[in-house]
């Protein structure tokens, strides 16, 4: 088996909230007129990347397996008010014919495709939405009878994979069988981010909660940004009604949105890092309640996305020995905060990446791959 693991594509419906596109050099991203070409460019880059991985797998005599590790489509952002989830999904697939053709081409060439559901694409568990997925991508999730799944395991490779949002107190979903499963992240996206993004495109491009707060702080200080003063109190009221998660992150977010000064980025950063680190460690050790599924007996690799930060690193555990953590990163633009002395500024980078897991010399090995982002000349 030749695994190609990608995560967090966040395909949108081609509107001002679209994130699967080549961002360019302007801070605001492509204009409305440039957006179709920017979407096509990244669709083309993804298609070429899959072609390269298919060729590599066939050259080595391995079965190619594309593991889509959650947040493939962003239904939280694409759905209109009271619109059926299936209708929003159709608009997303129509906006990305290049992506659809690439995955279909992978299947036609004998490749397997597994879609592990994340938080932003949780609504695909809706029966009508999943029926569309099955119609468009035949043989998807064949090992699970074509049903939607939230975890994947391959005992032969020692691989266990989840999207990773279940280890995040802001995005943990209790009822995974429900398309309308609620969490704090969903409310923040629907109530605040979706309303601000058309006017402030960077708002949801943060790679972590610290950057999100930086972006919210920047948005709140902009006099030309409509609606922030009205939207923030709605989120504050909802946070006040939420009993979980009860942590410094939640209190800091509520204090900041209430207009009580700049966020404490240091506190938030350490709390965010600790929360994710605890979740990963508990999952790697297979502690009760930490995983959606069951770790394979030969467990060696724990794959997850969600954070949008690509990495391959080893984690020493008491129960399982050394486990390799795999994070394929994100295919959408990511905003970062640059600190130069007292000055801070936001910048956007885009390095589409993946993790390839293949048996080399009889031993499974994982490598990080940076995918191309611009079409070759003549293509």
Protein backbone atom coordinates (compact mmCIF):
# COMPACT_ATOMS: atom_id res chain seq x y z
CA UNK A 1 0.00 0.00 0.00
CA UNK A 2 1.18 3.50 -0.88
CA UNK A 3 -0.70 5.97 1.33
CA UNK A 4 -1.07 9.60 0.30
CA UNK A 5 -2.53 11.45 3.30
CA UNK A 6 -3.97 14.93 2.77
CA UNK A 7 -6.12 17.01 5.09
CA UNK A 8 -7.95 20.31 5.41
CA UNK A 9 -8.57 21.21 1.79
CA UNK A 10 -11.62 23.24 2.85
CA UNK A 11 -13.22 23.25 -0.58
CA UNK A 12 -15.84 25.99 -0.78
CA UNK A 13 -18.62 26.98 -3.16
CA UNK A 14 -16.52 29.44 -5.16
CA UNK A 15 -17.80 32.53 -3.36
CA UNK A 16 -16.03 35.06 -1.12
CA UNK A 17 -15.56 32.40 1.58
CA UNK A 18 -13.73 30.01 -0.75
CA UNK A 19 -10.41 28.84 0.69
CA UNK A 20 -9.21 26.22 -1.83
CA UNK A 21 -7.51 28.63 -4.22
CA UNK A 22 -4.08 30.07 -4.91
CA UNK A 23 -3.90 33.17 -2.75
CA UNK A 24 -1.39 35.31 -4.65
CA UNK A 25 0.61 38.24 -3.30
CA UNK A 26 -2.20 40.57 -2.23
CA UNK A 27 -3.15 40.44 1.47
CA UNK A 28 -6.85 40.33 0.59
CA UNK A 29 -6.36 37.41 -1.77
CA UNK A 30 -7.78 37.10 -5.28
CA UNK A 31 -10.46 39.57 -6.29
CA UNK A 32 -13.92 38.39 -7.34
CA UNK A 33 -12.81 38.56 -10.99
CA UNK A 34 -9.62 36.60 -10.27
CA UNK A 35 -11.27 33.96 -8.06
CA UNK A 36 -12.31 31.45 -10.77
CA UNK A 37 -8.76 31.33 -12.15
CA UNK A 38 -7.30 31.04 -8.63
CA UNK A 39 -9.62 28.10 -7.87
CA UNK A 40 -8.74 26.37 -11.14
CA UNK A 41 -5.04 26.85 -10.46
CA UNK A 42 -5.15 25.01 -7.13
CA UNK A 43 -7.50 22.33 -8.51
CA UNK A 44 -4.92 21.80 -11.28
CA UNK A 45 -2.04 21.62 -8.80
CA UNK A 46 -3.92 19.02 -6.74
CA UNK A 47 -4.67 16.96 -9.87
CA UNK A 48 -1.02 17.03 -10.92
CA UNK A 49 0.05 16.04 -7.41
CA UNK A 50 -2.22 12.97 -7.52
CA UNK A 51 -0.90 12.05 -10.96
CA UNK A 52 2.65 12.11 -9.60
CA UNK A 53 1.74 9.94 -6.62
CA UNK A 54 -0.10 7.45 -8.83
CA UNK A 55 2.95 7.13 -11.03
CA UNK A 56 5.20 6.61 -8.00
CA UNK A 57 2.95 3.91 -6.55
CA UNK A 58 2.70 2.05 -9.86
CA UNK A 59 6.46 2.22 -10.40
CA UNK A 60 6.98 0.58 -7.01
CA UNK A 61 4.26 -2.00 -7.57
CA UNK A 62 2.18 -0.69 -4.65
CA UNK A 63 -1.56 -0.12 -4.27
CA UNK A 64 -2.20 3.67 -4.21
CA UNK A 65 -4.50 4.74 -1.37
CA UNK A 66 -5.65 8.34 -1.01
CA UNK A 67 -6.57 9.11 2.61
CA UNK A 68 -8.61 12.32 2.82
CA UNK A 69 -8.25 13.14 6.49
CA UNK A 70 -11.18 15.45 7.14
CA UNK A 71 -12.35 18.98 6.33
CA UNK A 72 -12.27 18.08 2.66
CA UNK A 73 -15.28 20.33 2.04
CA UNK A 74 -16.19 23.27 4.25
CA UNK A 75 -19.93 22.91 4.74
CA UNK A 76 -19.86 25.18 7.79
CA UNK A 77 -19.00 28.05 5.46
CA UNK A 78 -20.68 27.04 2.20
CA UNK A 79 -24.18 26.42 3.52
CA UNK A 80 -26.77 29.16 3.17
CA UNK A 81 -29.27 29.74 5.95
CA UNK A 82 -31.80 26.85 6.13
CA UNK A 83 -30.31 25.28 2.99
CA UNK A 84 -30.15 21.47 2.93
CA UNK A 85 -26.63 20.19 3.51
CA UNK A 86 -26.86 18.19 0.28
CA UNK A 87 -27.57 21.32 -1.75
CA UNK A 88 -24.54 23.09 -0.29
CA UNK A 89 -22.41 20.04 -1.08
CA UNK A 90 -23.58 20.07 -4.71
CA UNK A 91 -22.53 23.72 -5.06
CA UNK A 92 -19.08 22.89 -3.67
CA UNK A 93 -18.53 20.00 -6.08
CA UNK A 94 -19.73 22.12 -9.00
CA UNK A 95 -17.23 24.84 -8.04
CA UNK A 96 -14.36 22.32 -8.15
CA UNK A 97 -14.65 20.18 -11.30
CA UNK A 98 -10.86 19.81 -11.38
CA UNK A 99 -10.78 18.27 -7.92
CA UNK A 100 -13.67 15.93 -8.74
CA UNK A 101 -11.99 14.83 -11.97
CA UNK A 102 -8.67 14.26 -10.17
CA UNK A 103 -10.17 11.96 -7.53
CA UNK A 104 -12.21 10.13 -10.17
CA UNK A 105 -9.04 9.68 -12.19
CA UNK A 106 -7.31 8.23 -9.13
CA UNK A 107 -10.14 5.71 -8.73
CA UNK A 108 -10.15 4.86 -12.45
CA UNK A 109 -6.41 4.12 -12.25
CA UNK A 110 -7.06 1.52 -9.55
CA UNK A 111 -6.48 3.73 -6.51
CA UNK A 112 -8.41 3.45 -3.26
CA UNK A 113 -9.98 6.50 -1.61
CA UNK A 114 -10.94 6.84 2.05
CA UNK A 115 -12.68 9.94 3.39
CA UNK A 116 -12.39 10.37 7.17
CA UNK A 117 -14.92 12.98 8.28
CA UNK A 118 -13.70 16.08 10.14
CA UNK A 119 -15.56 18.89 11.89
CA UNK A 120 -16.10 21.24 8.92
CA UNK A 121 -17.38 18.35 6.77
CA UNK A 122 -19.31 16.60 9.57
CA UNK A 123 -22.60 17.37 7.71
CA UNK A 124 -21.71 14.85 4.97
CA UNK A 125 -23.09 12.20 7.34
CA UNK A 126 -26.51 13.50 6.31
CA UNK A 127 -27.97 10.63 4.22
CA UNK A 128 -28.84 12.87 1.26
CA UNK A 129 -25.39 14.48 1.28
CA UNK A 130 -23.56 11.15 1.55
CA UNK A 131 -25.64 9.72 -1.30
CA UNK A 132 -24.22 12.48 -3.50
CA UNK A 133 -20.68 11.68 -2.35
CA UNK A 134 -21.19 8.00 -3.21
CA UNK A 135 -22.62 8.87 -6.62
CA UNK A 136 -19.73 11.19 -7.49
CA UNK A 137 -16.93 9.03 -6.08
CA UNK A 138 -17.62 5.35 -6.67
CA UNK A 139 -15.87 2.81 -4.37
CA UNK A 140 -15.23 5.54 -1.75
CA UNK A 141 -14.72 4.03 1.74
CA UNK A 142 -14.99 0.56 0.25
CA UNK A 143 -13.54 -1.07 3.38
CA UNK A 144 -16.46 0.42 5.40
CA UNK A 145 -19.17 -0.62 2.99
CA UNK A 146 -19.24 2.84 1.43
CA UNK A 147 -20.40 4.50 4.67
CA UNK A 148 -19.05 7.71 6.23
CA UNK A 149 -16.36 7.11 8.87
CA UNK A 150 -14.58 9.19 11.52
CA UNK A 151 -11.49 7.00 11.91
CA UNK A 152 -9.38 4.64 9.85
CA UNK A 153 -6.91 1.91 10.80
CA UNK A 154 -4.57 -0.33 8.83
CA UNK A 155 -3.04 -3.02 11.08
CA UNK A 156 -0.50 -4.03 8.44
CA UNK A 157 0.94 -0.51 8.35
CA UNK A 158 0.41 0.09 12.07
CA UNK A 159 -1.58 3.18 11.09
CA UNK A 160 -4.45 4.85 12.95
CA UNK A 161 -6.00 8.08 11.61
CA UNK A 162 -8.55 10.65 12.76
CA UNK A 163 -9.10 14.24 11.71
CA UNK A 164 -8.09 15.43 15.20
CA UNK A 165 -10.95 17.75 16.15
CA UNK A 166 -12.08 15.37 18.90
CA UNK A 167 -8.95 16.33 20.87
CA UNK A 168 -9.79 20.03 20.56
CA UNK A 169 -12.13 21.30 23.33
CA UNK A 170 -13.56 23.95 20.98
CA UNK A 171 -14.45 21.52 18.18
CA UNK A 172 -15.22 18.23 19.88
CA UNK A 173 -18.51 16.79 18.59
CA UNK A 174 -20.52 14.54 20.88
CA UNK A 175 -22.98 12.99 18.41
CA UNK A 176 -20.97 12.01 15.36
CA UNK A 177 -24.00 10.49 13.66
CA UNK A 178 -25.76 13.87 13.45
CA UNK A 179 -25.10 16.28 10.55
CA UNK A 180 -26.10 19.24 12.73
CA UNK A 181 -23.74 18.26 15.55
CA UNK A 182 -22.94 21.44 17.45
CA UNK A 183 -19.75 22.75 19.07
CA UNK A 184 -18.23 26.10 19.96
CA UNK A 185 -16.16 26.18 16.76
CA UNK A 186 -19.31 25.80 14.66
CA UNK A 187 -21.00 28.72 16.40
CA UNK A 188 -17.96 30.97 16.03
CA UNK A 189 -17.72 30.17 12.32
CA UNK A 190 -21.43 30.62 11.60
CA UNK A 191 -22.06 33.64 13.85
CA UNK A 192 -18.83 35.57 13.43
CA UNK A 193 -16.33 34.33 10.85
CA UNK A 194 -18.78 33.86 7.98
CA UNK A 195 -20.12 37.38 8.39
CA UNK A 196 -16.68 39.01 8.54
CA UNK A 197 -14.78 37.08 5.87
CA UNK A 198 -16.26 38.90 2.84
CA UNK A 199 -14.86 42.14 4.32
CA UNK A 200 -11.74 40.69 6.00
CA UNK A 201 -10.61 37.57 4.05
CA UNK A 202 -7.82 36.71 6.49
CA UNK A 203 -10.27 36.13 9.35
CA UNK A 204 -10.27 32.32 9.14
CA UNK A 205 -6.76 31.75 7.83
CA UNK A 206 -5.09 31.34 11.22
CA UNK A 207 -3.17 28.12 11.78
CA UNK A 208 -4.01 28.15 15.49
CA UNK A 209 -6.22 29.89 18.03
CA UNK A 210 -3.57 32.51 18.78
CA UNK A 211 -3.56 33.69 15.18
CA UNK A 212 -7.38 33.61 15.12
CA UNK A 213 -7.42 35.96 18.11
CA UNK A 214 -4.83 38.16 16.41
CA UNK A 215 -7.09 38.32 13.37
CA UNK A 216 -10.20 39.01 15.44
CA UNK A 217 -8.32 41.73 17.31
CA UNK A 218 -7.24 43.27 14.03
CA UNK A 219 -10.80 43.04 12.67
CA UNK A 220 -12.24 44.67 15.78
CA UNK A 221 -9.91 47.66 15.45
CA UNK A 222 -10.88 48.32 11.83
CA UNK A 223 -13.42 51.11 11.62
CA UNK A 224 -14.42 50.12 8.08
CA UNK A 225 -15.40 46.57 9.01
CA UNK A 226 -19.21 46.40 9.24
CA UNK A 227 -21.01 44.36 11.81
CA UNK A 228 -18.21 43.40 14.23
CA UNK A 229 -19.66 45.32 17.17
CA UNK A 230 -23.03 43.62 16.66
CA UNK A 231 -21.70 40.13 15.96
CA UNK A 232 -19.22 39.78 18.83
CA UNK A 233 -21.87 40.06 21.60
CA UNK A 234 -23.86 37.23 19.99
CA UNK A 235 -20.85 34.94 20.28
CA UNK A 236 -20.20 36.12 23.85
CA UNK A 237 -23.77 35.30 24.85
CA UNK A 238 -23.52 31.83 23.37
CA UNK A 239 -20.17 31.18 25.08
CA UNK A 240 -21.77 32.23 28.37
CA UNK A 241 -24.44 29.55 27.92
CA UNK A 242 -21.91 26.85 27.06
CA UNK A 243 -20.80 24.75 30.01
CA UNK A 244 -17.88 23.26 28.11
CA UNK A 245 -15.06 23.70 27.48
CA UNK A 246 -14.27 25.39 30.80
CA UNK A 247 -10.70 26.56 30.35
CA UNK A 248 -8.57 29.68 30.13
CA UNK A 249 -9.01 29.68 26.35
CA UNK A 250 -12.75 30.09 26.66
CA UNK A 251 -12.55 32.81 29.30
CA UNK A 252 -9.93 34.72 27.30
CA UNK A 253 -12.02 34.58 24.13
CA UNK A 254 -15.11 35.76 26.00
CA UNK A 255 -13.22 38.60 27.69
CA UNK A 256 -11.69 39.75 24.42
CA UNK A 257 -14.95 39.70 22.44
CA UNK A 258 -16.63 41.62 25.27
CA UNK A 259 -14.33 44.53 24.49
CA UNK A 260 -12.25 44.29 27.67
CA UNK A 261 -8.87 44.82 26.04
CA UNK A 262 -6.42 42.93 23.85
CA UNK A 263 -6.24 39.16 24.23
CA UNK A 264 -3.48 37.65 26.34
CA UNK A 265 -1.72 35.87 23.48
CA UNK A 266 0.82 34.17 25.74
CA UNK A 267 -1.84 32.58 27.96
CA UNK A 268 -3.95 31.54 25.02
CA UNK A 269 -0.98 30.10 23.17
CA UNK A 270 0.19 27.96 26.07
CA UNK A 271 -3.34 26.72 26.80
CA UNK A 272 -3.93 25.85 23.14
CA UNK A 273 -0.64 23.99 22.91
CA UNK A 274 -1.30 22.09 26.14
CA UNK A 275 -4.82 21.07 25.08
CA UNK A 276 -3.72 19.67 21.72
CA UNK A 277 -0.62 18.03 23.21
CA UNK A 278 -2.69 16.30 25.90
CA UNK A 279 -5.16 15.06 23.31
CA UNK A 280 -2.44 13.69 21.05
CA UNK A 281 -0.63 11.96 23.90
CA UNK A 282 -3.79 10.36 25.27
CA UNK A 283 -4.68 9.18 21.77
CA UNK A 284 -1.19 7.81 21.12
CA UNK A 285 -1.35 5.87 24.38
CA UNK A 286 -4.85 4.59 23.56
CA UNK A 287 -6.35 5.83 26.80
CA UNK A 288 -10.09 5.21 27.31
CA UNK A 289 -12.27 7.86 25.70
CA UNK A 290 -9.42 9.41 23.75
CA UNK A 291 -10.14 7.74 20.42
CA UNK A 292 -13.16 7.24 18.21
CA UNK A 293 -11.94 3.80 17.13
CA UNK A 294 -9.44 1.20 18.39
CA UNK A 295 -5.70 1.26 17.84
CA UNK A 296 -4.28 -1.67 15.86
CA UNK A 297 -2.09 -4.12 17.77
CA UNK A 298 0.92 -3.16 15.66
CA UNK A 299 0.29 0.57 16.17
CA UNK A 300 3.17 2.81 15.01
CA UNK A 301 1.68 5.82 13.22
CA UNK A 302 -0.95 8.29 14.45
CA UNK A 303 -2.19 10.55 11.64
CA UNK A 304 -4.32 13.65 12.20
CA UNK A 305 -4.88 17.04 10.60
CA UNK A 306 -7.05 19.86 11.97
CA UNK A 307 -4.22 22.19 13.05
CA UNK A 308 -3.17 23.04 9.46
CA UNK A 309 0.49 22.73 10.53
CA UNK A 310 2.41 19.97 8.67
CA UNK A 311 4.81 17.86 10.74
CA UNK A 312 6.27 14.41 11.23
CA UNK A 313 7.62 13.83 14.71
CA UNK A 314 8.15 11.07 17.22
CA UNK A 315 6.39 10.86 20.57
CA UNK A 316 7.56 8.56 23.38
CA UNK A 317 4.68 6.98 25.29
CA UNK A 318 4.56 4.73 28.33
CA UNK A 319 2.10 2.24 26.92
CA UNK A 320 3.03 2.13 23.24
CA UNK A 321 6.70 3.00 23.07
CA UNK A 322 7.68 5.47 20.35
CA UNK A 323 4.81 6.57 18.09
CA UNK A 324 5.27 8.67 14.96
CA UNK A 325 2.79 11.54 14.69
CA UNK A 326 1.83 12.47 11.14
CA UNK A 327 0.14 15.77 10.24
CA UNK A 328 -0.24 16.53 6.51
CA UNK A 329 -1.01 20.20 7.09
CA UNK A 330 -3.42 22.18 4.94
CA UNK A 331 -4.05 23.04 1.29
CA UNK A 332 -5.63 26.40 2.07
CA UNK A 333 -3.84 29.73 2.63
CA UNK A 334 -2.53 30.08 6.18
CA UNK A 335 -1.96 33.37 8.01
CA UNK A 336 1.00 33.73 10.33
CA UNK A 337 2.04 36.48 12.71
CA UNK A 338 5.56 37.81 12.23
CA UNK A 339 7.15 39.47 15.25
CA UNK A 340 9.95 41.95 14.62
CA UNK A 341 10.85 43.64 17.86
CA UNK A 342 7.71 45.43 19.00
CA UNK A 343 6.15 45.34 15.55
CA UNK A 344 3.73 42.59 14.57
CA UNK A 345 2.36 41.93 11.12
CA UNK A 346 0.22 39.31 9.43
CA UNK A 347 1.45 37.44 6.39
CA UNK A 348 -0.05 34.65 4.29
CA UNK A 349 1.79 31.58 3.06
CA UNK A 350 0.61 28.67 0.98
CA UNK A 351 2.59 25.43 0.88
CA UNK A 352 0.22 22.57 0.04
CA UNK A 353 1.61 19.46 1.65
CA UNK A 354 0.89 15.80 2.29
CA UNK A 355 2.34 12.80 4.09
CA UNK A 356 3.27 9.73 2.09
CA UNK A 357 3.43 6.44 3.98
CA UNK A 358 4.94 3.50 2.08
CA UNK A 359 6.89 0.32 2.85
CA UNK A 360 10.56 0.90 2.01
CA UNK A 361 12.99 -2.05 2.20
CA UNK A 362 10.34 -4.01 4.08
CA UNK A 363 9.79 -1.27 6.68
CA UNK A 364 7.05 1.34 6.63
CA UNK A 365 8.37 4.86 6.31
CA UNK A 366 6.67 8.27 6.29
CA UNK A 367 7.84 11.32 4.39
CA UNK A 368 6.42 14.81 4.08
CA UNK A 369 5.76 16.05 0.56
CA UNK A 370 5.41 19.66 -0.52
CA UNK A 371 3.02 19.69 -3.44
CA UNK A 372 3.46 21.98 -6.47
CA UNK A 373 1.23 25.06 -6.52
CA UNK A 374 1.66 26.32 -10.09
CA UNK A 375 0.93 24.51 -13.36
CA UNK A 376 3.88 23.54 -15.51
CA UNK A 377 4.45 25.52 -18.69
CA UNK A 378 2.51 24.18 -21.59
CA UNK A 379 -0.14 22.55 -19.39
